[in-house]
Amino acid sequence: MRKSCLVSMIVLLFFSQRAFSQKTPTGNPKDFKMKTCLHSVSYAGVWRGQARLSVDEFLSKAKRLGFDGVMLVAKRPHVSPLDYDAAARKALRRKIERLGLELVCLAGYTDFTAGVDKAGIPNVEIQACYVGELAKLAHDLGTDMVRIFTGYERPGIAFDKQYAMVVEGLKLAGQKAAKYGVTLAVQNHHDIGAHHDMMYWLLKEVNLPNVKAAFDAWSPALQGLTSEELRAAIVKMKPFIVHTTAAEYVRLPRYHYEHALTNFVQDGTLIRAVPMGEGIIDYKTFFNTLKEIGYQGYIAYEMCEVLEGGGDIENLDRTAKKFIEYVKKF
């Protein structure tokens, strides 16, 4: 019996390695095609003044705007596992297929360091189970990718303890997702692994064929990387990149008046969203380097901050269309 189980595990690992390795960017740069994907967070009413669409309304919107695929928020108010039973999943999958859209991935929301100060609560296990539910949901809806995060760094707790929780969480979540043939795309979003060198080390340490990277340009930009450093980061991350999400931002300097000094003292810089090509992020280098490494995935677009011009439907639509026009250059 034990020998039979071992053989089954080896076979599963073999086929998993083959399936998941296909997501590594190995295509010919000459075959590079800008496949566009709209993230439903753009119409989820999250940010101040932002309009909210239902999932069905969003899907129809993405089709009318001319996107090839969609990325769906896997929590309320959109596609939460709590709200989508078997019948609802079948209906949503039929809707996406009927519109001729590709469901590129689900957007999961994890923080594996949450509860680091409460040792009695198995938060890492809880979040890994949540990712497993998202993987099942993804499978039922017809996609093989779930975007997730690492963890925010909590003050007063040893960094290595928090880092170890992220490693454990990614391993457990990856094993759960593998049962459904799902790849986890870890976004360079949360504190741990935000820099590409740390992300590269992290993913190598996790060492699972279905735990890859959703590598974005805006984090390196906000970290101050030059164009040359950005290109080098993408080349280094090549073995892991399976997804990326584009968003454009500007910096707004902040100051407060210090009466005792009769002067203005600088505070942290505020970030706001603007249309593609009108901000601080070097997407020319980013997209051209993705092409260079043979990236074959989608470019998702999100309006994920307070947006210049406001969050009404008309402005969201105009800004989304500008993204489509911008990426035609590549």
C-alpha atoms as a PDB file:
ATOM      1  CA  MET A   1       0.000   0.000   0.000  1.00  0.00           C
ATOM      2  CA  ARG A   2       2.802   2.401   0.953  1.00  0.00           C
ATOM      3  CA  LYS A   3       4.702   1.579  -2.249  1.00  0.00           C
ATOM      4  CA  SER A   4       1.584   2.215  -4.341  1.00  0.00           C
ATOM      5  CA  CYS A   5       1.080   5.643  -2.765  1.00  0.00           C
ATOM      6  CA  LEU A   6       4.708   6.529  -3.392  1.00  0.00           C
ATOM      7  CA  VAL A   7       4.411   5.606  -7.064  1.00  0.00           C
ATOM      8  CA  SER A   8       1.236   7.712  -7.383  1.00  0.00           C
ATOM      9  CA  MET A   9       2.984  10.711  -5.846  1.00  0.00           C
ATOM     10  CA  ILE A  10       5.926  10.378  -8.233  1.00  0.00           C
ATOM     11  CA  VAL A  11       3.614  10.184 -11.252  1.00  0.00           C
ATOM     12  CA  LEU A  12       1.654  13.224 -10.036  1.00  0.00           C
ATOM     13  CA  LEU A  13       4.855  15.190  -9.517  1.00  0.00           C
ATOM     14  CA  PHE A  14       6.100  14.240 -12.999  1.00  0.00           C
ATOM     15  CA  PHE A  15       2.986  15.435 -14.770  1.00  0.00           C
ATOM     16  CA  SER A  16       2.741  18.510 -12.533  1.00  0.00           C
ATOM     17  CA  GLN A  17       6.298  19.483 -13.437  1.00  0.00           C
ATOM     18  CA  ARG A  18       5.513  19.116 -17.141  1.00  0.00           C
ATOM     19  CA  ALA A  19       2.264  21.086 -16.953  1.00  0.00           C
ATOM     20  CA  PHE A  20       3.547  23.910 -14.784  1.00  0.00           C
ATOM     21  CA  SER A  21       6.866  24.269 -16.634  1.00  0.00           C
ATOM     22  CA  GLN A  22       4.894  25.271 -19.723  1.00  0.00           C
ATOM     23  CA  LYS A  23       4.125  28.576 -18.006  1.00  0.00           C
ATOM     24  CA  THR A  24       7.785  29.589 -17.946  1.00  0.00           C
ATOM     25  CA  PRO A  25       8.460  32.245 -20.630  1.00  0.00           C
ATOM     26  CA  THR A  26      10.224  30.230 -23.327  1.00  0.00           C
ATOM     27  CA  GLY A  27       8.608  31.628 -26.464  1.00  0.00           C
ATOM     28  CA  ASN A  28      10.319  33.230 -29.431  1.00  0.00           C
ATOM     29  CA  PRO A  29      10.465  37.038 -29.041  1.00  0.00           C
ATOM     30  CA  LYS A  30       9.311  37.291 -32.666  1.00  0.00           C
ATOM     31  CA  ASP A  31       6.021  35.682 -31.599  1.00  0.00           C
ATOM     32  CA  PHE A  32       5.392  38.242 -28.847  1.00  0.00           C
ATOM     33  CA  LYS A  33       1.775  39.399 -28.838  1.00  0.00           C
ATOM     34  CA  MET A  34       0.315  41.967 -26.501  1.00  0.00           C
ATOM     35  CA  LYS A  35      -2.621  40.065 -25.000  1.00  0.00           C
ATOM     36  CA  THR A  36      -4.691  42.431 -22.882  1.00  0.00           C
ATOM     37  CA  CYS A  37      -6.585  41.626 -19.716  1.00  0.00           C
ATOM     38  CA  LEU A  38      -8.766  43.886 -17.570  1.00  0.00           C
ATOM     39  CA  HIS A  39      -8.663  43.467 -13.792  1.00  0.00           C
ATOM     40  CA  SER A  40     -12.117  43.743 -12.236  1.00  0.00           C
ATOM     41  CA  VAL A  41     -10.699  45.702  -9.281  1.00  0.00           C
ATOM     42  CA  SER A  42     -10.868  48.636 -11.701  1.00  0.00           C
ATOM     43  CA  TYR A  43     -14.669  48.580 -11.417  1.00  0.00           C
ATOM     44  CA  ALA A  44     -15.073  47.224  -7.882  1.00  0.00           C
ATOM     45  CA  GLY A  45     -15.792  50.494  -6.072  1.00  0.00           C
ATOM     46  CA  VAL A  46     -12.743  50.059  -3.842  1.00  0.00           C
ATOM     47  CA  TRP A  47     -11.219  53.522  -4.167  1.00  0.00           C
ATOM     48  CA  ARG A  48     -12.763  56.863  -3.247  1.00  0.00           C
ATOM     49  CA  GLY A  49     -15.243  57.880  -5.933  1.00  0.00           C
ATOM     50  CA  GLN A  50     -14.797  54.688  -7.967  1.00  0.00           C
ATOM     51  CA  ALA A  51     -17.918  53.268  -9.607  1.00  0.00           C
ATOM     52  CA  ARG A  52     -18.886  49.664  -8.923  1.00  0.00           C
ATOM     53  CA  LEU A  53     -20.114  47.166 -11.498  1.00  0.00           C
ATOM     54  CA  SER A  54     -21.503  43.705 -10.889  1.00  0.00           C
ATOM     55  CA  VAL A  55     -19.501  40.781 -12.262  1.00  0.00           C
ATOM     56  CA  ASP A  56     -21.829  40.401 -15.261  1.00  0.00           C
ATOM     57  CA  GLU A  57     -21.698  44.132 -15.964  1.00  0.00           C
ATOM     58  CA  PHE A  58     -17.924  44.097 -15.718  1.00  0.00           C
ATOM     59  CA  LEU A  59     -17.569  41.184 -18.138  1.00  0.00           C
ATOM     60  CA  SER A  60     -19.735  42.906 -20.718  1.00  0.00           C
ATOM     61  CA  LYS A  61     -17.753  46.101 -20.173  1.00  0.00           C
ATOM     62  CA  ALA A  62     -14.398  44.350 -20.731  1.00  0.00           C
ATOM     63  CA  LYS A  63     -15.699  42.879 -23.985  1.00  0.00           C
ATOM     64  CA  ARG A  64     -17.026  46.210 -25.272  1.00  0.00           C
ATOM     65  CA  LEU A  65     -13.776  47.965 -24.428  1.00  0.00           C
ATOM     66  CA  GLY A  66     -11.848  45.442 -26.535  1.00  0.00           C
ATOM     67  CA  PHE A  67      -9.923  43.414 -23.944  1.00  0.00           C
ATOM     68  CA  ASP A  68      -8.875  39.841 -24.740  1.00  0.00           C
ATOM     69  CA  GLY A  69      -9.348  38.541 -21.212  1.00  0.00           C
ATOM     70  CA  VAL A  70     -10.285  39.345 -17.638  1.00  0.00           C
ATOM     71  CA  MET A  71      -8.806  39.005 -14.172  1.00  0.00           C
ATOM     72  CA  LEU A  72     -11.487  38.649 -11.511  1.00  0.00           C
ATOM     73  CA  VAL A  73     -11.303  39.791  -7.896  1.00  0.00           C
ATOM     74  CA  ALA A  74     -11.764  36.613  -5.837  1.00  0.00           C
ATOM     75  CA  LYS A  75     -13.515  38.282  -2.923  1.00  0.00           C
ATOM     76  CA  ARG A  76     -16.613  40.366  -2.401  1.00  0.00           C
ATOM     77  CA  PRO A  77     -18.042  42.347  -4.127  1.00  0.00           C
ATOM     78  CA  HIS A  78     -17.025  40.168  -7.072  1.00  0.00           C
ATOM     79  CA  VAL A  79     -16.228  36.436  -7.145  1.00  0.00           C
ATOM     80  CA  SER A  80     -16.002  35.243  -3.553  1.00  0.00           C
ATOM     81  CA  PRO A  81     -16.000  31.465  -2.932  1.00  0.00           C
ATOM     82  CA  LEU A  82     -18.637  32.191  -0.275  1.00  0.00           C
ATOM     83  CA  ASP A  83     -21.121  33.307  -2.911  1.00  0.00           C
ATOM     84  CA  TYR A  84     -20.431  30.978  -5.839  1.00  0.00           C
ATOM     85  CA  ASP A  85     -21.850  27.489  -5.509  1.00  0.00           C
ATOM     86  CA  ALA A  86     -21.596  24.882  -8.286  1.00  0.00           C
ATOM     87  CA  ALA A  87     -24.513  26.342 -10.251  1.00  0.00           C
ATOM     88  CA  ALA A  88     -23.196  29.905 -10.019  1.00  0.00           C
ATOM     89  CA  ARG A  89     -19.764  28.764 -11.152  1.00  0.00           C
ATOM     90  CA  LYS A  90     -21.192  27.035 -14.210  1.00  0.00           C
ATOM     91  CA  ALA A  91     -23.250  30.109 -15.073  1.00  0.00           C
ATOM     92  CA  LEU A  92     -20.269  32.439 -14.739  1.00  0.00           C
ATOM     93  CA  ARG A  93     -18.067  30.181 -16.837  1.00  0.00           C
ATOM     94  CA  ARG A  94     -20.732  30.059 -19.571  1.00  0.00           C
ATOM     95  CA  LYS A  95     -21.011  33.858 -19.487  1.00  0.00           C
ATOM     96  CA  ILE A  96     -17.268  34.311 -19.966  1.00  0.00           C
ATOM     97  CA  GLU A  97     -17.153  31.765 -22.785  1.00  0.00           C
ATOM     98  CA  ARG A  98     -20.227  33.236 -24.486  1.00  0.00           C
ATOM     99  CA  LEU A  99     -18.545  36.646 -24.570  1.00  0.00           C
ATOM    100  CA  GLY A 100     -15.426  35.145 -26.113  1.00  0.00           C
ATOM    101  CA  LEU A 101     -13.222  36.293 -23.225  1.00  0.00           C
ATOM    102  CA  GLU A 102     -10.366  34.426 -21.565  1.00  0.00           C
ATOM    103  CA  LEU A 103     -10.463  34.149 -17.787  1.00  0.00           C
ATOM    104  CA  VAL A 104      -6.760  34.760 -17.276  1.00  0.00           C
ATOM    105  CA  CYS A 105      -6.646  34.368 -13.516  1.00  0.00           C
ATOM    106  CA  LEU A 106      -8.367  34.956 -10.219  1.00  0.00           C
ATOM    107  CA  ALA A 107      -6.997  37.624  -7.905  1.00  0.00           C
ATOM    108  CA  GLY A 108      -6.504  36.191  -4.427  1.00  0.00           C
ATOM    109  CA  TYR A 109      -5.790  38.329  -1.363  1.00  0.00           C
ATOM    110  CA  THR A 110      -3.349  36.751   1.062  1.00  0.00           C
ATOM    111  CA  ASP A 111      -1.115  37.982   3.866  1.00  0.00           C
ATOM    112  CA  PHE A 112       0.817  35.056   5.300  1.00  0.00           C
ATOM    113  CA  THR A 113       2.282  37.117   8.153  1.00  0.00           C
ATOM    114  CA  ALA A 114      -1.130  38.122   9.497  1.00  0.00           C
ATOM    115  CA  GLY A 115      -1.447  37.076  13.118  1.00  0.00           C
ATOM    116  CA  VAL A 116       2.312  36.617  13.564  1.00  0.00           C
ATOM    117  CA  ASP A 117       1.907  37.965  17.100  1.00  0.00           C
ATOM    118  CA  LYS A 118      -0.825  35.418  17.936  1.00  0.00           C
ATOM    119  CA  ALA A 119       0.977  32.075  17.929  1.00  0.00           C
ATOM    120  CA  GLY A 120      -2.073  30.056  18.936  1.00  0.00           C
ATOM    121  CA  ILE A 121      -3.991  30.802  15.747  1.00  0.00           C
ATOM    122  CA  PRO A 122      -2.848  28.799  12.679  1.00  0.00           C
ATOM    123  CA  ASN A 123      -3.143  31.743  10.281  1.00  0.00           C
ATOM    124  CA  VAL A 124      -0.701  30.290   7.755  1.00  0.00           C
ATOM    125  CA  GLU A 125      -2.779  27.106   7.553  1.00  0.00           C
ATOM    126  CA  ILE A 126      -6.002  29.108   7.335  1.00  0.00           C
ATOM    127  CA  GLN A 127      -4.714  31.170   4.420  1.00  0.00           C
ATOM    128  CA  ALA A 128      -3.338  28.105   2.657  1.00  0.00           C
ATOM    129  CA  CYS A 129      -6.808  26.546   2.871  1.00  0.00           C
ATOM    130  CA  TYR A 130      -8.288  29.774   1.467  1.00  0.00           C
ATOM    131  CA  VAL A 131      -5.887  29.561  -1.484  1.00  0.00           C
ATOM    132  CA  GLY A 132      -6.922  25.946  -1.958  1.00  0.00           C
ATOM    133  CA  GLU A 133     -10.543  27.078  -2.200  1.00  0.00           C
ATOM    134  CA  LEU A 134      -9.533  29.720  -4.736  1.00  0.00           C
ATOM    135  CA  ALA A 135      -7.703  27.074  -6.761  1.00  0.00           C
ATOM    136  CA  LYS A 136     -10.835  24.928  -6.851  1.00  0.00           C
ATOM    137  CA  LEU A 137     -12.878  27.982  -7.842  1.00  0.00           C
ATOM    138  CA  ALA A 138     -10.349  28.797 -10.591  1.00  0.00           C
ATOM    139  CA  HIS A 139     -10.510  25.234 -11.897  1.00  0.00           C
ATOM    140  CA  ASP A 140     -14.316  25.313 -11.955  1.00  0.00           C
ATOM    141  CA  LEU A 141     -14.322  28.635 -13.808  1.00  0.00           C
ATOM    142  CA  GLY A 142     -11.829  27.487 -16.425  1.00  0.00           C
ATOM    143  CA  THR A 143      -8.541  29.131 -15.485  1.00  0.00           C
ATOM    144  CA  ASP A 144      -5.320  27.617 -14.169  1.00  0.00           C
ATOM    145  CA  MET A 145      -3.893  30.641 -12.368  1.00  0.00           C
ATOM    146  CA  VAL A 146      -4.486  32.410  -9.054  1.00  0.00           C
ATOM    147  CA  ARG A 147      -2.629  35.621  -8.191  1.00  0.00           C
ATOM    148  CA  ILE A 148      -1.620  35.849  -4.515  1.00  0.00           C
ATOM    149  CA  PHE A 149       0.509  38.020  -2.199  1.00  0.00           C
ATOM    150  CA  THR A 150       3.285  37.269   0.317  1.00  0.00           C
ATOM    151  CA  GLY A 151       3.017  39.139   3.616  1.00  0.00           C
ATOM    152  CA  TYR A 152       3.268  42.584   5.173  1.00  0.00           C
ATOM    153  CA  GLU A 153       6.155  43.033   7.599  1.00  0.00           C
ATOM    154  CA  ARG A 154       4.965  43.651  11.152  1.00  0.00           C
ATOM    155  CA  PRO A 155       7.080  45.887  13.433  1.00  0.00           C
ATOM    156  CA  GLY A 156       8.571  44.396  16.568  1.00  0.00           C
ATOM    157  CA  ILE A 157       8.737  40.839  15.172  1.00  0.00           C
ATOM    158  CA  ALA A 158      11.969  39.269  13.913  1.00  0.00           C
ATOM    159  CA  PHE A 159      12.086  39.490  10.125  1.00  0.00           C
ATOM    160  CA  ASP A 160      13.229  35.907   9.642  1.00  0.00           C
ATOM    161  CA  LYS A 161      10.268  34.622  11.618  1.00  0.00           C
ATOM    162  CA  GLN A 162       7.918  36.468   9.275  1.00  0.00           C
ATOM    163  CA  TYR A 163       9.852  35.403   6.186  1.00  0.00           C
ATOM    164  CA  ALA A 164       9.634  31.767   7.310  1.00  0.00           C
ATOM    165  CA  MET A 165       5.861  32.091   7.634  1.00  0.00           C
ATOM    166  CA  VAL A 166       5.673  33.281   4.020  1.00  0.00           C
ATOM    167  CA  VAL A 167       7.793  30.343   2.830  1.00  0.00           C
ATOM    168  CA  GLU A 168       5.623  27.896   4.766  1.00  0.00           C
ATOM    169  CA  GLY A 169       2.437  29.519   3.501  1.00  0.00           C
ATOM    170  CA  LEU A 170       3.518  29.483  -0.136  1.00  0.00           C
ATOM    171  CA  LYS A 171       4.542  25.840   0.104  1.00  0.00           C
ATOM    172  CA  LEU A 172       1.268  24.762   1.703  1.00  0.00           C
ATOM    173  CA  ALA A 173      -0.781  26.875  -0.697  1.00  0.00           C
ATOM    174  CA  GLY A 174       1.176  25.590  -3.683  1.00  0.00           C
ATOM    175  CA  GLN A 175       0.541  21.999  -2.679  1.00  0.00           C
ATOM    176  CA  LYS A 176      -3.191  22.683  -2.315  1.00  0.00           C
ATOM    177  CA  ALA A 177      -3.341  24.472  -5.687  1.00  0.00           C
ATOM    178  CA  ALA A 178      -1.469  21.658  -7.450  1.00  0.00           C
ATOM    179  CA  LYS A 179      -4.391  19.316  -6.782  1.00  0.00           C
ATOM    180  CA  TYR A 180      -6.427  21.413  -9.217  1.00  0.00           C
ATOM    181  CA  GLY A 181      -3.652  21.992 -11.759  1.00  0.00           C
ATOM    182  CA  VAL A 182      -3.411  25.646 -10.718  1.00  0.00           C
ATOM    183  CA  THR A 183      -0.338  27.871 -10.742  1.00  0.00           C
ATOM    184  CA  LEU A 184       0.057  30.506  -8.018  1.00  0.00           C
ATOM    185  CA  ALA A 185       1.404  33.796  -9.364  1.00  0.00           C
ATOM    186  CA  VAL A 186       3.029  35.659  -6.467  1.00  0.00           C
ATOM    187  CA  GLN A 187       2.831  39.416  -7.008  1.00  0.00           C
ATOM    188  CA  ASN A 188       5.656  41.750  -5.957  1.00  0.00           C
ATOM    189  CA  HIS A 189       3.167  43.735  -3.905  1.00  0.00           C
ATOM    190  CA  HIS A 190       3.543  43.088  -0.159  1.00  0.00           C
ATOM    191  CA  ASP A 191       6.626  43.966   1.903  1.00  0.00           C
ATOM    192  CA  ILE A 192       8.255  40.541   1.904  1.00  0.00           C
ATOM    193  CA  GLY A 193       9.559  39.851  -1.588  1.00  0.00           C
ATOM    194  CA  ALA A 194       8.743  43.296  -2.975  1.00  0.00           C
ATOM    195  CA  HIS A 195      12.267  43.717  -4.364  1.00  0.00           C
ATOM    196  CA  HIS A 196      13.150  41.383  -7.212  1.00  0.00           C
ATOM    197  CA  ASP A 197      16.288  39.994  -5.544  1.00  0.00           C
ATOM    198  CA  MET A 198      14.267  38.998  -2.489  1.00  0.00           C
ATOM    199  CA  MET A 199      11.447  37.643  -4.644  1.00  0.00           C
ATOM    200  CA  TYR A 200      13.904  35.551  -6.663  1.00  0.00           C
ATOM    201  CA  TRP A 201      15.442  34.099  -3.484  1.00  0.00           C
ATOM    202  CA  LEU A 202      11.984  33.458  -1.995  1.00  0.00           C
ATOM    203  CA  LEU A 203      10.644  31.559  -5.005  1.00  0.00           C
ATOM    204  CA  LYS A 204      13.817  29.481  -5.275  1.00  0.00           C
ATOM    205  CA  GLU A 205      13.487  28.568  -1.603  1.00  0.00           C
ATOM    206  CA  VAL A 206       9.823  27.599  -2.001  1.00  0.00           C
ATOM    207  CA  ASN A 207      10.918  25.474  -4.983  1.00  0.00           C
ATOM    208  CA  LEU A 208       7.532  24.342  -6.269  1.00  0.00           C
ATOM    209  CA  PRO A 209       6.810  24.094 -10.010  1.00  0.00           C
ATOM    210  CA  ASN A 210       3.459  25.838  -9.634  1.00  0.00           C
ATOM    211  CA  VAL A 211       4.596  28.779  -7.486  1.00  0.00           C
ATOM    212  CA  LYS A 212       5.724  31.478  -9.899  1.00  0.00           C
ATOM    213  CA  ALA A 213       5.759  35.275 -10.122  1.00  0.00           C
ATOM    214  CA  ALA A 214       3.276  37.946 -11.140  1.00  0.00           C
ATOM    215  CA  PHE A 215       5.994  40.523 -11.704  1.00  0.00           C
ATOM    216  CA  ASP A 216       4.885  44.144 -12.112  1.00  0.00           C
ATOM    217  CA  ALA A 217       6.753  47.281 -13.186  1.00  0.00           C
ATOM    218  CA  TRP A 218       5.311  49.723 -10.687  1.00  0.00           C
ATOM    219  CA  SER A 219       7.010  48.237  -7.607  1.00  0.00           C
ATOM    220  CA  PRO A 220      10.531  48.582  -9.118  1.00  0.00           C
ATOM    221  CA  ALA A 221       9.634  52.108 -10.245  1.00  0.00           C
ATOM    222  CA  LEU A 222       8.543  53.152  -6.763  1.00  0.00           C
ATOM    223  CA  GLN A 223      11.718  51.544  -5.399  1.00  0.00           C
ATOM    224  CA  GLY A 224      13.759  53.842  -7.634  1.00  0.00           C
ATOM    225  CA  LEU A 225      15.173  51.342 -10.152  1.00  0.00           C
ATOM    226  CA  THR A 226      16.654  52.826 -13.314  1.00  0.00           C
ATOM    227  CA  SER A 227      15.747  51.544 -16.787  1.00  0.00           C
ATOM    228  CA  GLU A 228      18.893  49.415 -16.849  1.00  0.00           C
ATOM    229  CA  GLU A 229      18.150  47.999 -13.410  1.00  0.00           C
ATOM    230  CA  LEU A 230      14.545  47.272 -14.406  1.00  0.00           C
ATOM    231  CA  ARG A 231      15.683  45.348 -17.469  1.00  0.00           C
ATOM    232  CA  ALA A 232      18.178  43.378 -15.365  1.00  0.00           C
ATOM    233  CA  ALA A 233      15.429  42.571 -12.841  1.00  0.00           C
ATOM    234  CA  ILE A 234      13.150  41.143 -15.538  1.00  0.00           C
ATOM    235  CA  VAL A 235      15.952  39.089 -17.048  1.00  0.00           C
ATOM    236  CA  LYS A 236      16.772  37.678 -13.608  1.00  0.00           C
ATOM    237  CA  MET A 237      13.114  36.890 -12.905  1.00  0.00           C
ATOM    238  CA  LYS A 238      12.618  35.242 -16.309  1.00  0.00           C
ATOM    239  CA  PRO A 239      12.344  31.654 -14.923  1.00  0.00           C
ATOM    240  CA  PHE A 240       9.386  32.696 -12.766  1.00  0.00           C
ATOM    241  CA  ILE A 241       7.334  35.349 -14.596  1.00  0.00           C
ATOM    242  CA  VAL A 242       3.914  34.032 -15.661  1.00  0.00           C
ATOM    243  CA  HIS A 243       1.758  37.134 -15.243  1.00  0.00           C
ATOM    244  CA  THR A 244       1.988  40.901 -14.897  1.00  0.00           C
ATOM    245  CA  THR A 245      -0.385  43.729 -14.067  1.00  0.00           C
ATOM    246  CA  ALA A 246       0.156  47.242 -15.396  1.00  0.00           C
ATOM    247  CA  ALA A 247      -0.902  50.419 -13.637  1.00  0.00           C
ATOM    248  CA  GLU A 248       0.359  53.967 -14.076  1.00  0.00           C
ATOM    249  CA  TYR A 249       1.061  56.457 -11.288  1.00  0.00           C
ATOM    250  CA  VAL A 250       2.410  59.901 -10.494  1.00  0.00           C
ATOM    251  CA  ARG A 251       4.111  61.130  -7.345  1.00  0.00           C
ATOM    252  CA  LEU A 252       2.549  64.037  -5.455  1.00  0.00           C
ATOM    253  CA  PRO A 253       4.973  65.578  -2.909  1.00  0.00           C
ATOM    254  CA  ARG A 254       3.497  66.302   0.525  1.00  0.00           C
ATOM    255  CA  TYR A 255       4.625  68.912   3.082  1.00  0.00           C
ATOM    256  CA  HIS A 256       3.347  70.226   6.356  1.00  0.00           C
ATOM    257  CA  TYR A 257       3.992  73.644   7.819  1.00  0.00           C
ATOM    258  CA  GLU A 258       6.157  73.605  10.959  1.00  0.00           C
ATOM    259  CA  HIS A 259       5.350  76.803  12.845  1.00  0.00           C
ATOM    260  CA  ALA A 260       8.439  76.689  15.095  1.00  0.00           C
ATOM    261  CA  LEU A 261      10.677  76.551  12.023  1.00  0.00           C
ATOM    262  CA  THR A 262       8.642  78.932   9.861  1.00  0.00           C
ATOM    263  CA  ASN A 263       9.129  76.323   7.182  1.00  0.00           C
ATOM    264  CA  PHE A 264       7.557  73.403   5.310  1.00  0.00           C
ATOM    265  CA  VAL A 265       8.766  69.908   6.261  1.00  0.00           C
ATOM    266  CA  GLN A 266       8.483  67.096   3.722  1.00  0.00           C
ATOM    267  CA  ASP A 267       6.186  64.141   4.427  1.00  0.00           C
ATOM    268  CA  GLY A 268       5.804  60.824   2.614  1.00  0.00           C
ATOM    269  CA  THR A 269       5.023  61.134  -1.091  1.00  0.00           C
ATOM    270  CA  LEU A 270       1.454  60.452  -2.196  1.00  0.00           C
ATOM    271  CA  ILE A 271       0.784  58.206  -5.209  1.00  0.00           C
ATOM    272  CA  ARG A 272      -2.179  58.696  -7.552  1.00  0.00           C
ATOM    273  CA  ALA A 273      -3.286  56.822 -10.677  1.00  0.00           C
ATOM    274  CA  VAL A 274      -3.140  58.310 -14.192  1.00  0.00           C
ATOM    275  CA  PRO A 275      -3.612  56.913 -17.727  1.00  0.00           C
ATOM    276  CA  MET A 276      -0.890  54.741 -19.237  1.00  0.00           C
ATOM    277  CA  GLY A 277       2.060  56.674 -20.600  1.00  0.00           C
ATOM    278  CA  GLU A 278       1.342  59.749 -18.467  1.00  0.00           C
ATOM    279  CA  GLY A 279       3.152  58.701 -15.303  1.00  0.00           C
ATOM    280  CA  ILE A 280       6.523  57.769 -13.882  1.00  0.00           C
ATOM    281  CA  ILE A 281       6.815  54.092 -14.856  1.00  0.00           C
ATOM    282  CA  ASP A 282       9.123  53.008 -17.662  1.00  0.00           C
ATOM    283  CA  TYR A 283       6.759  50.691 -19.516  1.00  0.00           C
ATOM    284  CA  LYS A 284       8.787  50.992 -22.710  1.00  0.00           C
ATOM    285  CA  THR A 285      11.681  49.160 -21.070  1.00  0.00           C
ATOM    286  CA  PHE A 286       9.345  46.811 -19.202  1.00  0.00           C
ATOM    287  CA  PHE A 287       7.330  45.624 -22.198  1.00  0.00           C
ATOM    288  CA  ASN A 288      10.332  45.440 -24.524  1.00  0.00           C
ATOM    289  CA  THR A 289      12.208  43.307 -21.996  1.00  0.00           C
ATOM    290  CA  LEU A 290       9.209  41.002 -21.564  1.00  0.00           C
ATOM    291  CA  LYS A 291       9.328  40.566 -25.331  1.00  0.00           C
ATOM    292  CA  GLU A 292      13.076  39.902 -25.145  1.00  0.00           C
ATOM    293  CA  ILE A 293      12.698  37.060 -22.623  1.00  0.00           C
ATOM    294  CA  GLY A 294       9.930  35.413 -24.651  1.00  0.00           C
ATOM    295  CA  TYR A 295       7.017  36.242 -22.355  1.00  0.00           C
ATOM    296  CA  GLN A 296       3.813  34.700 -23.703  1.00  0.00           C
ATOM    297  CA  GLY A 297       1.311  35.687 -21.020  1.00  0.00           C
ATOM    298  CA  TYR A 298      -1.241  38.446 -20.668  1.00  0.00           C
ATOM    299  CA  ILE A 299      -0.753  42.068 -19.650  1.00  0.00           C
ATOM    300  CA  ALA A 300      -3.466  42.846 -17.111  1.00  0.00           C
ATOM    301  CA  TYR A 301      -4.540  46.424 -16.514  1.00  0.00           C
ATOM    302  CA  GLU A 302      -5.859  47.865 -13.297  1.00  0.00           C
ATOM    303  CA  MET A 303      -7.064  51.249 -12.107  1.00  0.00           C
ATOM    304  CA  CYS A 304      -6.172  50.635  -8.494  1.00  0.00           C
ATOM    305  CA  GLU A 305      -5.920  54.012  -6.772  1.00  0.00           C
ATOM    306  CA  VAL A 306      -7.754  57.304  -6.795  1.00  0.00           C
ATOM    307  CA  LEU A 307      -7.743  58.112 -10.519  1.00  0.00           C
ATOM    308  CA  GLU A 308      -7.055  61.408 -12.226  1.00  0.00           C
ATOM    309  CA  GLY A 309     -10.371  62.665 -13.590  1.00  0.00           C
ATOM    310  CA  GLY A 310     -12.446  60.797 -11.022  1.00  0.00           C
ATOM    311  CA  GLY A 311     -13.926  57.332 -10.669  1.00  0.00           C
ATOM    312  CA  ASP A 312     -17.143  57.647 -12.641  1.00  0.00           C
ATOM    313  CA  ILE A 313     -17.868  55.057 -15.335  1.00  0.00           C
ATOM    314  CA  GLU A 314     -17.091  57.437 -18.190  1.00  0.00           C
ATOM    315  CA  ASN A 315     -13.610  58.261 -16.895  1.00  0.00           C
ATOM    316  CA  LEU A 316     -12.840  54.632 -16.040  1.00  0.00           C
ATOM    317  CA  ASP A 317     -13.819  53.635 -19.576  1.00  0.00           C
ATOM    318  CA  ARG A 318     -11.736  56.409 -21.162  1.00  0.00           C
ATOM    319  CA  THR A 319      -8.713  55.422 -19.116  1.00  0.00           C
ATOM    320  CA  ALA A 320      -9.109  51.720 -19.916  1.00  0.00           C
ATOM    321  CA  LYS A 321      -9.331  52.550 -23.635  1.00  0.00           C
ATOM    322  CA  LYS A 322      -6.121  54.589 -23.345  1.00  0.00           C
ATOM    323  CA  PHE A 323      -4.407  51.459 -22.056  1.00  0.00           C
ATOM    324  CA  ILE A 324      -5.528  49.525 -25.143  1.00  0.00           C
ATOM    325  CA  GLU A 325      -4.204  52.305 -27.391  1.00  0.00           C
ATOM    326  CA  TYR A 326      -0.929  52.539 -25.464  1.00  0.00           C
ATOM    327  CA  VAL A 327      -0.025  48.853 -25.686  1.00  0.00           C
ATOM    328  CA  LYS A 328      -0.611  48.777 -29.452  1.00  0.00           C
ATOM    329  CA  LYS A 329       2.838  50.382 -29.740  1.00  0.00           C
ATOM    330  CA  PHE A 330       4.577  47.206 -28.608  1.00  0.00           C
END
